[in-house]
Protein backbone atom coordinates (compact mmCIF):
# COMPACT_ATOMS: atom_id res chain seq x y z
CA UNK A 1 126.10 54.60 19.31
CA UNK A 2 126.67 52.34 22.30
CA UNK A 3 123.21 53.16 23.63
CA UNK A 4 121.57 52.26 20.30
CA UNK A 5 123.53 49.03 20.14
CA UNK A 6 122.59 48.01 23.67
CA UNK A 7 118.91 48.82 23.10
CA UNK A 8 118.93 46.76 19.91
CA UNK A 9 120.64 43.85 21.64
CA UNK A 10 118.22 43.92 24.58
CA UNK A 11 115.15 44.07 22.32
CA UNK A 12 116.47 41.32 20.07
CA UNK A 13 117.49 39.06 22.95
CA UNK A 14 114.14 39.63 24.68
CA UNK A 15 112.20 38.81 21.53
CA UNK A 16 114.25 35.67 20.90
CA UNK A 17 114.03 34.51 24.52
CA UNK A 18 110.27 34.90 24.49
CA UNK A 19 110.05 33.07 21.19
CA UNK A 20 112.28 30.16 22.23
CA UNK A 21 110.19 29.68 25.37
CA UNK A 22 107.01 29.22 23.31
CA UNK A 23 108.83 27.32 20.58
CA UNK A 24 110.23 24.76 23.02
CA UNK A 25 106.87 24.49 24.79
CA UNK A 26 105.17 23.60 21.51
CA UNK A 27 107.86 21.07 20.60
CA UNK A 28 107.61 19.35 23.97
CA UNK A 29 103.79 19.47 24.03
CA UNK A 30 103.60 17.81 20.61
CA UNK A 31 106.50 15.40 21.35
CA UNK A 32 108.46 16.53 18.33
CA UNK A 33 111.96 15.04 18.25
CA UNK A 34 114.68 17.67 18.20
CA UNK A 35 117.86 18.11 20.14
CA UNK A 36 117.94 21.19 22.42
CA UNK A 37 121.42 21.97 21.07
CA UNK A 38 119.89 22.63 17.65
CA UNK A 39 117.56 25.21 19.18
CA UNK A 40 120.48 26.88 20.91
CA UNK A 41 122.54 26.94 17.71
CA UNK A 42 119.68 28.42 15.69
CA UNK A 43 118.65 31.04 18.23
CA UNK A 44 122.15 32.12 19.23
CA UNK A 45 123.26 32.04 15.61
CA UNK A 46 120.41 34.33 14.57
CA UNK A 47 121.10 36.62 17.54
CA UNK A 48 124.77 36.89 16.62
CA UNK A 49 124.16 37.38 12.91
CA UNK A 50 121.43 39.99 13.47
CA UNK A 51 123.71 41.84 15.87
CA UNK A 52 126.56 41.84 13.35
CA UNK A 53 124.24 43.07 10.59
CA UNK A 54 122.84 45.85 12.80
CA UNK A 55 126.31 46.87 13.93
CA UNK A 56 127.43 46.99 10.28
CA UNK A 57 124.47 49.18 9.37
CA UNK A 58 125.12 51.44 12.33
CA UNK A 59 128.82 51.84 11.52
CA UNK A 60 128.21 52.42 7.82
CA UNK A 61 125.16 54.69 8.22
CA UNK A 62 127.17 57.88 8.48
CA UNK A 63 129.16 57.48 5.27
CA UNK A 64 126.94 55.10 3.28
CA UNK A 65 123.42 55.95 4.45
CA UNK A 66 121.99 55.54 0.96
CA UNK A 67 123.14 51.92 0.89
CA UNK A 68 121.67 50.73 4.20
CA UNK A 69 118.93 48.78 2.40
CA UNK A 70 121.53 46.90 0.39
CA UNK A 71 123.55 46.16 3.51
CA UNK A 72 120.38 44.83 5.12
CA UNK A 73 119.61 42.62 2.09
CA UNK A 74 123.17 41.34 2.01
CA UNK A 75 122.80 40.45 5.69
CA UNK A 76 119.66 38.45 4.97
CA UNK A 77 121.42 36.58 2.18
CA UNK A 78 124.33 35.98 4.56
CA UNK A 79 121.95 34.42 7.11
CA UNK A 80 120.54 32.01 4.54
CA UNK A 81 124.05 31.10 3.40
CA UNK A 82 124.96 30.28 6.99
CA UNK A 83 121.78 28.21 7.26
CA UNK A 84 122.65 26.12 4.21
CA UNK A 85 126.33 25.80 5.13
CA UNK A 86 126.13 25.13 8.87
CA UNK A 87 122.64 24.58 10.23
CA UNK A 88 121.06 22.45 7.51
CA UNK A 89 123.78 19.76 7.78
CA UNK A 90 123.06 19.55 11.52
CA UNK A 91 119.37 19.14 10.79
CA UNK A 92 120.11 16.51 8.13
CA UNK A 93 122.13 14.27 10.43
CA UNK A 94 119.36 11.67 10.53
CA UNK A 95 118.53 12.10 6.84
CA UNK A 96 115.34 14.18 6.98
CA UNK A 97 114.37 17.79 7.39
CA UNK A 98 110.69 17.99 8.15
CA UNK A 99 108.58 21.07 8.61
CA UNK A 100 109.20 21.15 12.34
CA UNK A 101 112.96 21.08 11.89
CA UNK A 102 112.87 23.75 9.22
CA UNK A 103 110.95 26.02 11.60
CA UNK A 104 113.65 25.57 14.23
CA UNK A 105 115.73 27.85 12.01
CA UNK A 106 113.03 29.87 10.32
CA UNK A 107 111.14 31.11 13.40
CA UNK A 108 114.19 32.77 15.03
CA UNK A 109 115.17 34.03 11.57
CA UNK A 110 111.80 35.77 11.21
CA UNK A 111 111.86 37.20 14.72
CA UNK A 112 115.33 38.63 14.23
CA UNK A 113 114.31 39.88 10.77
CA UNK A 114 111.38 41.83 12.25
CA UNK A 115 113.60 43.39 14.91
CA UNK A 116 116.28 44.21 12.33
CA UNK A 117 113.70 45.75 9.98
CA UNK A 118 112.31 47.93 12.77
CA UNK A 119 115.85 49.04 13.70
CA UNK A 120 116.64 49.79 10.04
CA UNK A 121 113.51 51.93 9.70
CA UNK A 122 114.48 53.89 12.82
CA UNK A 123 118.01 54.33 11.46
CA UNK A 124 116.71 55.56 8.10
CA UNK A 125 114.35 58.02 9.78
CA UNK A 126 117.27 59.41 11.76
CA UNK A 127 119.20 59.81 8.52
CA UNK A 128 116.39 61.91 7.05
CA UNK A 129 116.27 64.36 9.94
């Protein structure tokens, strides 16, 4: 279990680090105004939440394998709730949330969602065999 968790964390962190590099490069190239702290909050927040969701699925897979899809969906809903409760107010500090600011949350959300989905599929395949 520790090996699976470490592999997931390394893949997720690698994907998010690669993404933030390109994301920041685009923001700076286009002179889009955003505080670097917001990027850090969004990317680290998605990393932490995805890790918690994966760990939950991994711990519950043995006894509740049939419900892993629901756990995954609940995790996605949890991420959006965190966005609306914590991250959106930070983005709204100057009164507007444009497309660029929305994507500061949504891009790391999608990257972590893809990694989580891949991990869930692997976990479900292991359950079958």
